[in-house]
C-alpha cells in the first residue's frame, strides 16, 4: 500500500488512466480487458456489448474472473467509480487503469461508422 500511495503524485497520474484510442488499440490486440463497474440497473438501461460486467461492489467476491495476464481497464459512465475500483484493484496486485472519458466518452468515440474500430 505504501508504494501505491507514493505514486499518487501529479507526475504519475497519467499511469492511472488510459486514453480511449490507446484502450481500443490494446483491446483489439488482446492486451487488456474492459471491466464495466456499473450496477445492473445501469447496464440494463444501456449496453456495452464487450468486456466484463462486474459492479464495483461485487469486485471482492469476483476477483477470480479478472485476467491476471492483461491490463485491466475499469470504466463507468465518467470516472468516479472506475477510479475507486482502480485504486482498490491496484492494492490487490492488478495492473489496472481507468478509462479516461468513461463509457460515455467511449460510446461517443465509437458512434456511427467508428463502431467498427473495436473488435468484437
PDB file of N, CA and C in Angstrom:
ATOM      1  N   UNK A   1       0.820  -1.193   0.000  1.00  0.00           N
ATOM      2  CA  UNK A   1       0.000   0.000   0.000  1.00  0.00           C
ATOM      3  C   UNK A   1       0.864   1.256   0.000  1.00  0.00           C
ATOM      4  N   UNK A   2       1.989   1.200   0.721  1.00  0.00           N
ATOM      5  CA  UNK A   2       2.856   2.368   0.805  1.00  0.00           C
ATOM      6  C   UNK A   2       3.388   2.746  -0.582  1.00  0.00           C
ATOM      7  N   UNK A   3       3.793   1.758  -1.393  1.00  0.00           N
ATOM      8  CA  UNK A   3       4.274   2.045  -2.747  1.00  0.00           C
ATOM      9  C   UNK A   3       3.160   2.669  -3.583  1.00  0.00           C
ATOM     10  N   UNK A   4       1.940   2.192  -3.394  1.00  0.00           N
ATOM     11  CA  UNK A   4       0.799   2.732  -4.130  1.00  0.00           C
ATOM     12  C   UNK A   4       0.602   4.210  -3.786  1.00  0.00           C
ATOM     13  N   UNK A   5       0.601   4.551  -2.513  1.00  0.00           N
ATOM     14  CA  UNK A   5       0.402   5.935  -2.074  1.00  0.00           C
ATOM     15  C   UNK A   5       1.514   6.831  -2.604  1.00  0.00           C
ATOM     16  N   UNK A   6       2.736   6.336  -2.676  1.00  0.00           N
ATOM     17  CA  UNK A   6       3.847   7.141  -3.180  1.00  0.00           C
ATOM     18  C   UNK A   6       3.662   7.502  -4.650  1.00  0.00           C
ATOM     19  N   UNK A   7       2.858   6.731  -5.395  1.00  0.00           N
ATOM     20  CA  UNK A   7       2.623   7.012  -6.806  1.00  0.00           C
ATOM     21  C   UNK A   7       1.480   7.992  -7.036  1.00  0.00           C
ATOM     22  N   UNK A   8       0.785   8.393  -5.985  1.00  0.00           N
ATOM     23  CA  UNK A   8      -0.331   9.331  -6.129  1.00  0.00           C
ATOM     24  C   UNK A   8       0.219  10.759  -6.069  1.00  0.00           C
ATOM     25  N   UNK A   9       0.960  11.102  -7.106  1.00  0.00           N
ATOM     26  CA  UNK A   9       1.526  12.433  -7.258  1.00  0.00           C
ATOM     27  C   UNK A   9       1.254  12.882  -8.699  1.00  0.00           C
ATOM     28  N   UNK A  10       1.178  14.176  -8.947  1.00  0.00           N
ATOM     29  CA  UNK A  10       0.806  14.654 -10.286  1.00  0.00           C
ATOM     30  C   UNK A  10       1.609  14.033 -11.431  1.00  0.00           C
ATOM     31  N   UNK A  11       2.907  13.858 -11.260  1.00  0.00           N
ATOM     32  CA  UNK A  11       3.722  13.328 -12.355  1.00  0.00           C
ATOM     33  C   UNK A  11       3.405  11.875 -12.687  1.00  0.00           C
ATOM     34  N   UNK A  12       2.756  11.171 -11.790  1.00  0.00           N
ATOM     35  CA  UNK A  12       2.419   9.764 -12.015  1.00  0.00           C
ATOM     36  C   UNK A  12       0.954   9.551 -12.371  1.00  0.00           C
ATOM     37  N   UNK A  13       0.155  10.610 -12.403  1.00  0.00           N
ATOM     38  CA  UNK A  13      -1.289  10.458 -12.627  1.00  0.00           C
ATOM     39  C   UNK A  13      -1.610   9.837 -13.986  1.00  0.00           C
ATOM     40  N   UNK A  14      -0.805  10.107 -15.012  1.00  0.00           N
ATOM     41  CA  UNK A  14      -1.058   9.505 -16.318  1.00  0.00           C
ATOM     42  C   UNK A  14      -0.957   7.988 -16.281  1.00  0.00           C
ATOM     43  N   UNK A  15      -0.233   7.447 -15.322  1.00  0.00           N
ATOM     44  CA  UNK A  15      -0.112   5.997 -15.193  1.00  0.00           C
ATOM     45  C   UNK A  15      -1.383   5.359 -14.643  1.00  0.00           C
ATOM     46  N   UNK A  16      -2.329   6.178 -14.196  1.00  0.00           N
ATOM     47  CA  UNK A  16      -3.552   5.660 -13.582  1.00  0.00           C
ATOM     48  C   UNK A  16      -4.715   5.602 -14.560  1.00  0.00           C
ATOM     49  N   UNK A  17      -4.596   6.269 -15.693  1.00  0.00           N
ATOM     50  CA  UNK A  17      -5.703   6.292 -16.653  1.00  0.00           C
ATOM     51  C   UNK A  17      -5.180   5.938 -18.038  1.00  0.00           C
ATOM     52  N   UNK A  18      -6.109   5.569 -18.899  1.00  0.00           N
ATOM     53  CA  UNK A  18      -5.770   5.231 -20.271  1.00  0.00           C
ATOM     54  C   UNK A  18      -6.711   6.002 -21.189  1.00  0.00           C
ATOM     55  N   UNK A  19      -6.166   6.572 -22.231  1.00  0.00           N
ATOM     56  CA  UNK A  19      -6.978   7.304 -23.201  1.00  0.00           C
ATOM     57  C   UNK A  19      -7.727   6.322 -24.094  1.00  0.00           C
ATOM     58  N   UNK A  20      -8.825   6.766 -24.667  1.00  0.00           N
ATOM     59  CA  UNK A  20      -9.702   5.894 -25.444  1.00  0.00           C
ATOM     60  C   UNK A  20      -8.984   5.251 -26.627  1.00  0.00           C
ATOM     61  N   UNK A  21      -8.221   6.005 -27.393  1.00  0.00           N
ATOM     62  CA  UNK A  21      -7.533   5.426 -28.555  1.00  0.00           C
ATOM     63  C   UNK A  21      -6.548   4.338 -28.146  1.00  0.00           C
ATOM     64  N   UNK A  22      -5.801   4.566 -27.069  1.00  0.00           N
ATOM     65  CA  UNK A  22      -4.862   3.553 -26.593  1.00  0.00           C
ATOM     66  C   UNK A  22      -5.608   2.320 -26.100  1.00  0.00           C
ATOM     67  N   UNK A  23      -6.721   2.536 -25.384  1.00  0.00           N
ATOM     68  CA  UNK A  23      -7.533   1.401 -24.935  1.00  0.00           C
ATOM     69  C   UNK A  23      -7.992   0.554 -26.119  1.00  0.00           C
ATOM     70  N   UNK A  24      -8.547   1.204 -27.155  1.00  0.00           N
ATOM     71  CA  UNK A  24      -9.049   0.467 -28.322  1.00  0.00           C
ATOM     72  C   UNK A  24      -7.921  -0.357 -28.951  1.00  0.00           C
ATOM     73  N   UNK A  25      -6.766   0.247 -29.091  1.00  0.00           N
ATOM     74  CA  UNK A  25      -5.621  -0.466 -29.678  1.00  0.00           C
ATOM     75  C   UNK A  25      -5.252  -1.692 -28.849  1.00  0.00           C
ATOM     76  N   UNK A  26      -5.093  -1.521 -27.539  1.00  0.00           N
ATOM     77  CA  UNK A  26      -4.719  -2.642 -26.669  1.00  0.00           C
ATOM     78  C   UNK A  26      -5.815  -3.695 -26.595  1.00  0.00           C
ATOM     79  N   UNK A  27      -7.078  -3.265 -26.565  1.00  0.00           N
ATOM     80  CA  UNK A  27      -8.196  -4.211 -26.528  1.00  0.00           C
ATOM     81  C   UNK A  27      -8.207  -5.056 -27.805  1.00  0.00           C
ATOM     82  N   UNK A  28      -8.058  -4.410 -28.940  1.00  0.00           N
ATOM     83  CA  UNK A  28      -8.056  -5.130 -30.213  1.00  0.00           C
ATOM     84  C   UNK A  28      -6.882  -6.096 -30.335  1.00  0.00           C
ATOM     85  N   UNK A  29      -5.777  -5.802 -29.656  1.00  0.00           N
ATOM     86  CA  UNK A  29      -4.598  -6.680 -29.661  1.00  0.00           C
ATOM     87  C   UNK A  29      -4.698  -7.774 -28.598  1.00  0.00           C
ATOM     88  N   UNK A  30      -5.780  -7.757 -27.797  1.00  0.00           N
ATOM     89  CA  UNK A  30      -5.941  -8.755 -26.740  1.00  0.00           C
ATOM     90  C   UNK A  30      -5.054  -8.525 -25.532  1.00  0.00           C
ATOM     91  N   UNK A  31      -4.576  -7.293 -25.355  1.00  0.00           N
ATOM     92  CA  UNK A  31      -3.657  -6.985 -24.262  1.00  0.00           C
ATOM     93  C   UNK A  31      -4.330  -6.377 -23.042  1.00  0.00           C
ATOM     94  N   UNK A  32      -5.626  -6.064 -23.135  1.00  0.00           N
ATOM     95  CA  UNK A  32      -6.331  -5.520 -21.978  1.00  0.00           C
ATOM     96  C   UNK A  32      -7.761  -6.029 -21.978  1.00  0.00           C
ATOM     97  N   UNK A  33      -8.401  -5.918 -20.836  1.00  0.00           N
ATOM     98  CA  UNK A  33      -9.804  -6.307 -20.682  1.00  0.00           C
ATOM     99  C   UNK A  33     -10.563  -5.153 -20.061  1.00  0.00           C
ATOM    100  N   UNK A  34     -11.718  -4.846 -20.633  1.00  0.00           N
ATOM    101  CA  UNK A  34     -12.582  -3.809 -20.098  1.00  0.00           C
ATOM    102  C   UNK A  34     -13.456  -4.401 -19.000  1.00  0.00           C
ATOM    103  N   UNK A  35     -13.520  -3.712 -17.871  1.00  0.00           N
ATOM    104  CA  UNK A  35     -14.407  -4.101 -16.779  1.00  0.00           C
ATOM    105  C   UNK A  35     -15.388  -2.961 -16.559  1.00  0.00           C
ATOM    106  N   UNK A  36     -16.653  -3.230 -16.850  1.00  0.00           N
ATOM    107  CA  UNK A  36     -17.738  -2.270 -16.668  1.00  0.00           C
ATOM    108  C   UNK A  36     -18.195  -2.395 -15.222  1.00  0.00           C
ATOM    109  N   UNK A  37     -17.949  -1.362 -14.411  1.00  0.00           N
ATOM    110  CA  UNK A  37     -18.224  -1.441 -12.975  1.00  0.00           C
ATOM    111  C   UNK A  37     -19.574  -0.852 -12.587  1.00  0.00           C
ATOM    112  N   UNK A  38     -20.442  -0.593 -13.581  1.00  0.00           N
ATOM    113  CA  UNK A  38     -21.766  -0.046 -13.274  1.00  0.00           C
ATOM    114  C   UNK A  38     -22.641  -1.106 -12.610  1.00  0.00           C
ATOM    115  N   UNK A  39     -23.670  -0.647 -11.924  1.00  0.00           N
ATOM    116  CA  UNK A  39     -24.622  -1.556 -11.277  1.00  0.00           C
ATOM    117  C   UNK A  39     -25.573  -2.130 -12.340  1.00  0.00           C
ATOM    118  N   UNK A  40     -26.176  -3.304 -12.066  1.00  0.00           N
ATOM    119  CA  UNK A  40     -27.033  -3.955 -13.060  1.00  0.00           C
ATOM    120  C   UNK A  40     -28.132  -3.067 -13.642  1.00  0.00           C
ATOM    121  N   UNK A  41     -28.752  -2.221 -12.839  1.00  0.00           N
ATOM    122  CA  UNK A  41     -29.803  -1.347 -13.353  1.00  0.00           C
ATOM    123  C   UNK A  41     -29.263  -0.474 -14.488  1.00  0.00           C
ATOM    124  N   UNK A  42     -28.053   0.028 -14.333  1.00  0.00           N
ATOM    125  CA  UNK A  42     -27.448   0.868 -15.369  1.00  0.00           C
ATOM    126  C   UNK A  42     -27.142   0.074 -16.635  1.00  0.00           C
ATOM    127  N   UNK A  43     -26.635  -1.147 -16.471  1.00  0.00           N
ATOM    128  CA  UNK A  43     -26.291  -1.933 -17.657  1.00  0.00           C
ATOM    129  C   UNK A  43     -27.537  -2.418 -18.395  1.00  0.00           C
ATOM    130  N   UNK A  44     -28.681  -2.493 -17.710  1.00  0.00           N
ATOM    131  CA  UNK A  44     -29.932  -2.838 -18.389  1.00  0.00           C
ATOM    132  C   UNK A  44     -30.444  -1.672 -19.231  1.00  0.00           C
ATOM    133  N   UNK A  45     -30.204  -0.452 -18.772  1.00  0.00           N
ATOM    134  CA  UNK A  45     -30.687   0.732 -19.480  1.00  0.00           C
ATOM    135  C   UNK A  45     -29.905   0.944 -20.777  1.00  0.00           C
ATOM    136  N   UNK A  46     -28.583   0.823 -20.721  1.00  0.00           N
ATOM    137  CA  UNK A  46     -27.777   0.906 -21.942  1.00  0.00           C
ATOM    138  C   UNK A  46     -26.606  -0.056 -21.851  1.00  0.00           C
ATOM    139  N   UNK A  47     -26.427  -0.782 -22.939  1.00  0.00           N
ATOM    140  CA  UNK A  47     -25.481  -1.891 -23.006  1.00  0.00           C
ATOM    141  C   UNK A  47     -24.136  -1.482 -23.603  1.00  0.00           C
ATOM    142  N   UNK A  48     -23.111  -2.115 -23.105  1.00  0.00           N
ATOM    143  CA  UNK A  48     -21.803  -2.154 -23.743  1.00  0.00           C
ATOM    144  C   UNK A  48     -21.596  -3.634 -23.990  1.00  0.00           C
ATOM    145  N   UNK A  49     -21.551  -4.023 -25.239  1.00  0.00           N
ATOM    146  CA  UNK A  49     -21.582  -5.447 -25.586  1.00  0.00           C
ATOM    147  C   UNK A  49     -20.214  -6.093 -25.726  1.00  0.00           C
ATOM    148  N   UNK A  50     -19.259  -5.613 -24.965  1.00  0.00           N
ATOM    149  CA  UNK A  50     -17.952  -6.262 -24.882  1.00  0.00           C
ATOM    150  C   UNK A  50     -17.392  -5.977 -23.492  1.00  0.00           C
ATOM    151  N   UNK A  51     -16.399  -6.734 -23.101  1.00  0.00           N
ATOM    152  CA  UNK A  51     -15.830  -6.581 -21.767  1.00  0.00           C
ATOM    153  C   UNK A  51     -16.633  -7.348 -20.732  1.00  0.00           C
ATOM    154  N   UNK A  52     -16.172  -7.290 -19.505  1.00  0.00           N
ATOM    155  CA  UNK A  52     -16.827  -7.967 -18.384  1.00  0.00           C
ATOM    156  C   UNK A  52     -17.683  -6.976 -17.616  1.00  0.00           C
ATOM    157  N   UNK A  53     -18.807  -7.438 -17.134  1.00  0.00           N
ATOM    158  CA  UNK A  53     -19.688  -6.605 -16.313  1.00  0.00           C
ATOM    159  C   UNK A  53     -19.569  -7.078 -14.865  1.00  0.00           C
ATOM    160  N   UNK A  54     -18.821  -6.324 -14.077  1.00  0.00           N
ATOM    161  CA  UNK A  54     -18.634  -6.645 -12.659  1.00  0.00           C
ATOM    162  C   UNK A  54     -18.853  -5.365 -11.870  1.00  0.00           C
ATOM    163  N   UNK A  55     -20.023  -5.201 -11.262  1.00  0.00           N
ATOM    164  CA  UNK A  55     -20.263  -3.995 -10.467  1.00  0.00           C
ATOM    165  C   UNK A  55     -19.170  -3.802  -9.413  1.00  0.00           C
ATOM    166  N   UNK A  56     -18.797  -2.561  -9.170  1.00  0.00           N
ATOM    167  CA  UNK A  56     -17.710  -2.252  -8.238  1.00  0.00           C
ATOM    168  C   UNK A  56     -17.924  -2.915  -6.878  1.00  0.00           C
ATOM    169  N   UNK A  57     -19.159  -2.941  -6.397  1.00  0.00           N
ATOM    170  CA  UNK A  57     -19.407  -3.516  -5.069  1.00  0.00           C
ATOM    171  C   UNK A  57     -19.261  -5.043  -5.053  1.00  0.00           C
ATOM    172  N   UNK A  58     -19.194  -5.691  -6.222  1.00  0.00           N
ATOM    173  CA  UNK A  58     -19.022  -7.143  -6.293  1.00  0.00           C
ATOM    174  C   UNK A  58     -17.568  -7.554  -6.544  1.00  0.00           C
ATOM    175  N   UNK A  59     -16.684  -6.590  -6.744  1.00  0.00           N
ATOM    176  CA  UNK A  59     -15.283  -6.889  -7.067  1.00  0.00           C
ATOM    177  C   UNK A  59     -14.617  -7.863  -6.093  1.00  0.00           C
ATOM    178  N   UNK A  60     -14.730  -7.648  -4.783  1.00  0.00           N
ATOM    179  CA  UNK A  60     -14.018  -8.559  -3.872  1.00  0.00           C
ATOM    180  C   UNK A  60     -14.399 -10.030  -4.047  1.00  0.00           C
ATOM    181  N   UNK A  61     -15.664 -10.307  -4.329  1.00  0.00           N
ATOM    182  CA  UNK A  61     -16.113 -11.690  -4.483  1.00  0.00           C
ATOM    183  C   UNK A  61     -15.829 -12.246  -5.874  1.00  0.00           C
ATOM    184  N   UNK A  62     -15.486 -11.395  -6.837  1.00  0.00           N
ATOM    185  CA  UNK A  62     -15.366 -11.841  -8.225  1.00  0.00           C
ATOM    186  C   UNK A  62     -13.965 -11.625  -8.812  1.00  0.00           C
ATOM    187  N   UNK A  63     -12.974 -11.463  -7.950  1.00  0.00           N
ATOM    188  CA  UNK A  63     -11.609 -11.240  -8.420  1.00  0.00           C
ATOM    189  C   UNK A  63     -11.108 -12.349  -9.336  1.00  0.00           C
ATOM    190  N   UNK A  64     -11.562 -13.572  -9.103  1.00  0.00           N
ATOM    191  CA  UNK A  64     -11.095 -14.701  -9.909  1.00  0.00           C
ATOM    192  C   UNK A  64     -11.543 -14.613 -11.363  1.00  0.00           C
ATOM    193  N   UNK A  65     -12.482 -13.727 -11.693  1.00  0.00           N
ATOM    194  CA  UNK A  65     -12.938 -13.543 -13.076  1.00  0.00           C
ATOM    195  C   UNK A  65     -12.029 -12.611 -13.868  1.00  0.00           C
ATOM    196  N   UNK A  66     -11.142 -11.910 -13.187  1.00  0.00           N
ATOM    197  CA  UNK A  66     -10.270 -10.943 -13.847  1.00  0.00           C
ATOM    198  C   UNK A  66      -9.008 -11.624 -14.369  1.00  0.00           C
ATOM    199  N   UNK A  67      -8.649 -11.353 -15.624  1.00  0.00           N
ATOM    200  CA  UNK A  67      -7.413 -11.943 -16.149  1.00  0.00           C
ATOM    201  C   UNK A  67      -6.197 -11.341 -15.449  1.00  0.00           C
ATOM    202  N   UNK A  68      -5.244 -12.183 -15.130  1.00  0.00           N
ATOM    203  CA  UNK A  68      -4.038 -11.708 -14.460  1.00  0.00           C
ATOM    204  C   UNK A  68      -2.922 -11.400 -15.455  1.00  0.00           C
ATOM    205  N   UNK A  69      -3.131 -11.770 -16.716  1.00  0.00           N
ATOM    206  CA  UNK A  69      -2.098 -11.589 -17.730  1.00  0.00           C
ATOM    207  C   UNK A  69      -2.379 -10.422 -18.676  1.00  0.00           C
ATOM    208  N   UNK A  70      -3.359  -9.589 -18.343  1.00  0.00           N
ATOM    209  CA  UNK A  70      -3.717  -8.445 -19.174  1.00  0.00           C
ATOM    210  C   UNK A  70      -3.864  -7.204 -18.302  1.00  0.00           C
ATOM    211  N   UNK A  71      -3.740  -6.067 -18.942  1.00  0.00           N
ATOM    212  CA  UNK A  71      -4.060  -4.806 -18.278  1.00  0.00           C
ATOM    213  C   UNK A  71      -5.571  -4.772 -18.051  1.00  0.00           C
ATOM    214  N   UNK A  72      -5.990  -4.437 -16.861  1.00  0.00           N
ATOM    215  CA  UNK A  72      -7.402  -4.280 -16.549  1.00  0.00           C
ATOM    216  C   UNK A  72      -7.746  -2.805 -16.748  1.00  0.00           C
ATOM    217  N   UNK A  73      -8.800  -2.538 -17.527  1.00  0.00           N
ATOM    218  CA  UNK A  73      -9.274  -1.164 -17.734  1.00  0.00           C
ATOM    219  C   UNK A  73     -10.684  -1.095 -17.171  1.00  0.00           C
ATOM    220  N   UNK A  74     -10.846  -0.354 -16.080  1.00  0.00           N
ATOM    221  CA  UNK A  74     -12.154  -0.229 -15.441  1.00  0.00           C
ATOM    222  C   UNK A  74     -12.851   1.020 -15.964  1.00  0.00           C
ATOM    223  N   UNK A  75     -14.179   0.907 -16.100  1.00  0.00           N
ATOM    224  CA  UNK A  75     -14.937   2.028 -16.655  1.00  0.00           C
ATOM    225  C   UNK A  75     -16.326   2.103 -16.049  1.00  0.00           C
ATOM    226  N   UNK A  76     -16.798   3.322 -15.912  1.00  0.00           N
ATOM    227  CA  UNK A  76     -18.161   3.641 -15.504  1.00  0.00           C
ATOM    228  C   UNK A  76     -18.588   4.783 -16.425  1.00  0.00           C
ATOM    229  N   UNK A  77     -19.757   5.384 -16.255  1.00  0.00           N
ATOM    230  CA  UNK A  77     -20.143   6.445 -17.180  1.00  0.00           C
ATOM    231  C   UNK A  77     -19.098   7.557 -17.324  1.00  0.00           C
ATOM    232  N   UNK A  78     -18.540   8.012 -16.245  1.00  0.00           N
ATOM    233  CA  UNK A  78     -17.500   9.065 -16.297  1.00  0.00           C
ATOM    234  C   UNK A  78     -16.190   8.493 -15.766  1.00  0.00           C
ATOM    235  N   UNK A  79     -15.887   8.715 -14.475  1.00  0.00           N
ATOM    236  CA  UNK A  79     -14.653   8.141 -13.932  1.00  0.00           C
ATOM    237  C   UNK A  79     -14.654   7.950 -12.421  1.00  0.00           C
ATOM    238  N   UNK A  80     -15.660   8.416 -11.708  1.00  0.00           N
ATOM    239  CA  UNK A  80     -15.627   8.347 -10.249  1.00  0.00           C
ATOM    240  C   UNK A  80     -15.527   6.907  -9.729  1.00  0.00           C
ATOM    241  N   UNK A  81     -16.495   6.083 -10.071  1.00  0.00           N
ATOM    242  CA  UNK A  81     -16.478   4.696  -9.586  1.00  0.00           C
ATOM    243  C   UNK A  81     -15.308   3.906 -10.153  1.00  0.00           C
ATOM    244  N   UNK A  82     -15.004   4.162 -11.416  1.00  0.00           N
ATOM    245  CA  UNK A  82     -13.917   3.392 -12.021  1.00  0.00           C
ATOM    246  C   UNK A  82     -12.578   3.739 -11.381  1.00  0.00           C
ATOM    247  N   UNK A  83     -12.373   4.984 -11.000  1.00  0.00           N
ATOM    248  CA  UNK A  83     -11.121   5.331 -10.337  1.00  0.00           C
ATOM    249  C   UNK A  83     -11.053   4.706  -8.952  1.00  0.00           C
ATOM    250  N   UNK A  84     -12.168   4.655  -8.243  1.00  0.00           N
ATOM    251  CA  UNK A  84     -12.169   3.978  -6.935  1.00  0.00           C
ATOM    252  C   UNK A  84     -11.878   2.489  -7.111  1.00  0.00           C
ATOM    253  N   UNK A  85     -12.507   1.873  -8.121  1.00  0.00           N
ATOM    254  CA  UNK A  85     -12.252   0.455  -8.384  1.00  0.00           C
ATOM    255  C   UNK A  85     -10.794   0.239  -8.784  1.00  0.00           C
ATOM    256  N   UNK A  86     -10.248   1.152  -9.586  1.00  0.00           N
ATOM    257  CA  UNK A  86      -8.849   1.055  -9.986  1.00  0.00           C
ATOM    258  C   UNK A  86      -7.927   1.081  -8.775  1.00  0.00           C
ATOM    259  N   UNK A  87      -8.183   2.005  -7.874  1.00  0.00           N
ATOM    260  CA  UNK A  87      -7.335   2.099  -6.684  1.00  0.00           C
ATOM    261  C   UNK A  87      -7.371   0.800  -5.886  1.00  0.00           C
ATOM    262  N   UNK A  88      -8.568   0.243  -5.698  1.00  0.00           N
ATOM    263  CA  UNK A  88      -8.683  -0.980  -4.922  1.00  0.00           C
ATOM    264  C   UNK A  88      -8.007  -2.154  -5.632  1.00  0.00           C
ATOM    265  N   UNK A  89      -8.244  -2.285  -6.936  1.00  0.00           N
ATOM    266  CA  UNK A  89      -7.623  -3.385  -7.689  1.00  0.00           C
ATOM    267  C   UNK A  89      -6.106  -3.284  -7.685  1.00  0.00           C
ATOM    268  N   UNK A  90      -5.572  -2.066  -7.721  1.00  0.00           N
ATOM    269  CA  UNK A  90      -4.118  -1.884  -7.655  1.00  0.00           C
ATOM    270  C   UNK A  90      -3.576  -2.424  -6.341  1.00  0.00           C
ATOM    271  N   UNK A  91      -4.315  -2.220  -5.248  1.00  0.00           N
ATOM    272  CA  UNK A  91      -3.856  -2.743  -3.953  1.00  0.00           C
ATOM    273  C   UNK A  91      -3.932  -4.269  -3.906  1.00  0.00           C
ATOM    274  N   UNK A  92      -4.692  -4.866  -4.823  1.00  0.00           N
ATOM    275  CA  UNK A  92      -4.810  -6.324  -4.901  1.00  0.00           C
ATOM    276  C   UNK A  92      -3.782  -6.921  -5.860  1.00  0.00           C
ATOM    277  N   UNK A  93      -2.916  -6.075  -6.419  1.00  0.00           N
ATOM    278  CA  UNK A  93      -1.822  -6.553  -7.257  1.00  0.00           C
ATOM    279  C   UNK A  93      -2.095  -6.564  -8.750  1.00  0.00           C
ATOM    280  N   UNK A  94      -3.217  -6.010  -9.196  1.00  0.00           N
ATOM    281  CA  UNK A  94      -3.528  -5.985 -10.621  1.00  0.00           C
ATOM    282  C   UNK A  94      -2.872  -4.795 -11.297  1.00  0.00           C
ATOM    283  N   UNK A  95      -2.505  -4.981 -12.564  1.00  0.00           N
ATOM    284  CA  UNK A  95      -2.109  -3.863 -13.412  1.00  0.00           C
ATOM    285  C   UNK A  95      -3.414  -3.290 -13.923  1.00  0.00           C
ATOM    286  N   UNK A  96      -3.746  -2.071 -13.529  1.00  0.00           N
ATOM    287  CA  UNK A  96      -5.083  -1.532 -13.780  1.00  0.00           C
ATOM    288  C   UNK A  96      -5.042  -0.035 -14.038  1.00  0.00           C
ATOM    289  N   UNK A  97      -5.900   0.391 -14.958  1.00  0.00           N
ATOM    290  CA  UNK A  97      -6.090   1.810 -15.246  1.00  0.00           C
ATOM    291  C   UNK A  97      -7.582   2.058 -15.389  1.00  0.00           C
ATOM    292  N   UNK A  98      -7.986   3.323 -15.246  1.00  0.00           N
ATOM    293  CA  UNK A  98      -9.382   3.659 -15.524  1.00  0.00           C
ATOM    294  C   UNK A  98      -9.444   4.337 -16.887  1.00  0.00           C
ATOM    295  N   UNK A  99     -10.600   4.184 -17.547  1.00  0.00           N
ATOM    296  CA  UNK A  99     -10.784   4.712 -18.891  1.00  0.00           C
ATOM    297  C   UNK A  99     -11.059   6.216 -18.840  1.00  0.00           C
ATOM    298  N   UNK A 100     -10.148   6.998 -19.394  1.00  0.00           N
ATOM    299  CA  UNK A 100     -10.321   8.449 -19.449  1.00  0.00           C
ATOM    300  C   UNK A 100     -11.537   8.758 -20.316  1.00  0.00           C
ATOM    301  N   UNK A 101     -12.446   9.562 -19.805  1.00  0.00           N
ATOM    302  CA  UNK A 101     -13.679   9.867 -20.527  1.00  0.00           C
ATOM    303  C   UNK A 101     -14.801   8.899 -20.227  1.00  0.00           C
ATOM    304  N   UNK A 102     -14.492   7.806 -19.572  1.00  0.00           N
ATOM    305  CA  UNK A 102     -15.501   6.830 -19.172  1.00  0.00           C
ATOM    306  C   UNK A 102     -16.212   6.170 -20.350  1.00  0.00           C
ATOM    307  N   UNK A 103     -17.251   5.423 -20.015  1.00  0.00           N
ATOM    308  CA  UNK A 103     -18.031   4.734 -21.038  1.00  0.00           C
ATOM    309  C   UNK A 103     -18.773   5.707 -21.942  1.00  0.00           C
ATOM    310  N   UNK A 104     -19.191   6.839 -21.391  1.00  0.00           N
ATOM    311  CA  UNK A 104     -19.855   7.840 -22.232  1.00  0.00           C
ATOM    312  C   UNK A 104     -18.893   8.378 -23.291  1.00  0.00           C
ATOM    313  N   UNK A 105     -17.666   8.622 -22.899  1.00  0.00           N
ATOM    314  CA  UNK A 105     -16.656   9.076 -23.855  1.00  0.00           C
ATOM    315  C   UNK A 105     -16.349   8.010 -24.893  1.00  0.00           C
ATOM    316  N   UNK A 106     -16.274   6.760 -24.451  1.00  0.00           N
ATOM    317  CA  UNK A 106     -16.016   5.652 -25.380  1.00  0.00           C
ATOM    318  C   UNK A 106     -17.138   5.515 -26.395  1.00  0.00           C
ATOM    319  N   UNK A 107     -18.396   5.575 -25.930  1.00  0.00           N
ATOM    320  CA  UNK A 107     -19.531   5.451 -26.847  1.00  0.00           C
ATOM    321  C   UNK A 107     -19.588   6.628 -27.822  1.00  0.00           C
ATOM    322  N   UNK A 108     -19.263   7.812 -27.346  1.00  0.00           N
ATOM    323  CA  UNK A 108     -19.208   8.975 -28.227  1.00  0.00           C
ATOM    324  C   UNK A 108     -18.145   8.760 -29.308  1.00  0.00           C
ATOM    325  N   UNK A 109     -17.009   8.217 -28.900  1.00  0.00           N
ATOM    326  CA  UNK A 109     -15.904   7.961 -29.809  1.00  0.00           C
ATOM    327  C   UNK A 109     -16.262   6.900 -30.854  1.00  0.00           C
ATOM    328  N   UNK A 110     -17.064   5.906 -30.451  1.00  0.00           N
ATOM    329  CA  UNK A 110     -17.381   4.778 -31.331  1.00  0.00           C
ATOM    330  C   UNK A 110     -18.711   4.914 -32.060  1.00  0.00           C
ATOM    331  N   UNK A 111     -19.365   6.069 -31.979  1.00  0.00           N
ATOM    332  CA  UNK A 111     -20.677   6.194 -32.605  1.00  0.00           C
ATOM    333  C   UNK A 111     -20.571   6.151 -34.127  1.00  0.00           C
ATOM    334  N   UNK A 112     -21.685   5.758 -34.717  1.00  0.00           N
ATOM    335  CA  UNK A 112     -21.752   5.695 -36.177  1.00  0.00           C
ATOM    336  C   UNK A 112     -20.783   4.682 -36.752  1.00  0.00           C
ATOM    337  N   UNK A 113     -20.165   5.030 -37.850  1.00  0.00           N
ATOM    338  CA  UNK A 113     -19.247   4.128 -38.540  1.00  0.00           C
ATOM    339  C   UNK A 113     -17.995   3.794 -37.769  1.00  0.00           C
ATOM    340  N   UNK A 114     -17.684   4.582 -36.745  1.00  0.00           N
ATOM    341  CA  UNK A 114     -16.484   4.322 -35.959  1.00  0.00           C
ATOM    342  C   UNK A 114     -16.649   3.089 -35.058  1.00  0.00           C
ATOM    343  N   UNK A 115     -17.843   2.576 -34.928  1.00  0.00           N
ATOM    344  CA  UNK A 115     -18.061   1.376 -34.108  1.00  0.00           C
ATOM    345  C   UNK A 115     -17.219   0.219 -34.602  1.00  0.00           C
ATOM    346  N   UNK A 116     -16.885   0.203 -35.876  1.00  0.00           N
ATOM    347  CA  UNK A 116     -16.087  -0.894 -36.427  1.00  0.00           C
ATOM    348  C   UNK A 116     -14.635  -0.849 -35.933  1.00  0.00           C
ATOM    349  N   UNK A 117     -14.256   0.203 -35.201  1.00  0.00           N
ATOM    350  CA  UNK A 117     -12.906   0.301 -34.667  1.00  0.00           C
ATOM    351  C   UNK A 117     -12.623  -0.745 -33.598  1.00  0.00           C
ATOM    352  N   UNK A 118     -13.675  -1.218 -32.907  1.00  0.00           N
ATOM    353  CA  UNK A 118     -13.483  -2.187 -31.823  1.00  0.00           C
ATOM    354  C   UNK A 118     -13.769  -3.589 -32.338  1.00  0.00           C
ATOM    355  N   UNK A 119     -12.896  -4.524 -32.022  1.00  0.00           N
ATOM    356  CA  UNK A 119     -13.058  -5.908 -32.467  1.00  0.00           C
ATOM    357  C   UNK A 119     -13.942  -6.647 -31.464  1.00  0.00           C
ATOM    358  N   UNK A 120     -15.037  -7.196 -31.957  1.00  0.00           N
ATOM    359  CA  UNK A 120     -15.934  -7.969 -31.088  1.00  0.00           C
ATOM    360  C   UNK A 120     -15.815  -9.443 -31.365  1.00  0.00           C
TER     361      UNK A 120
END
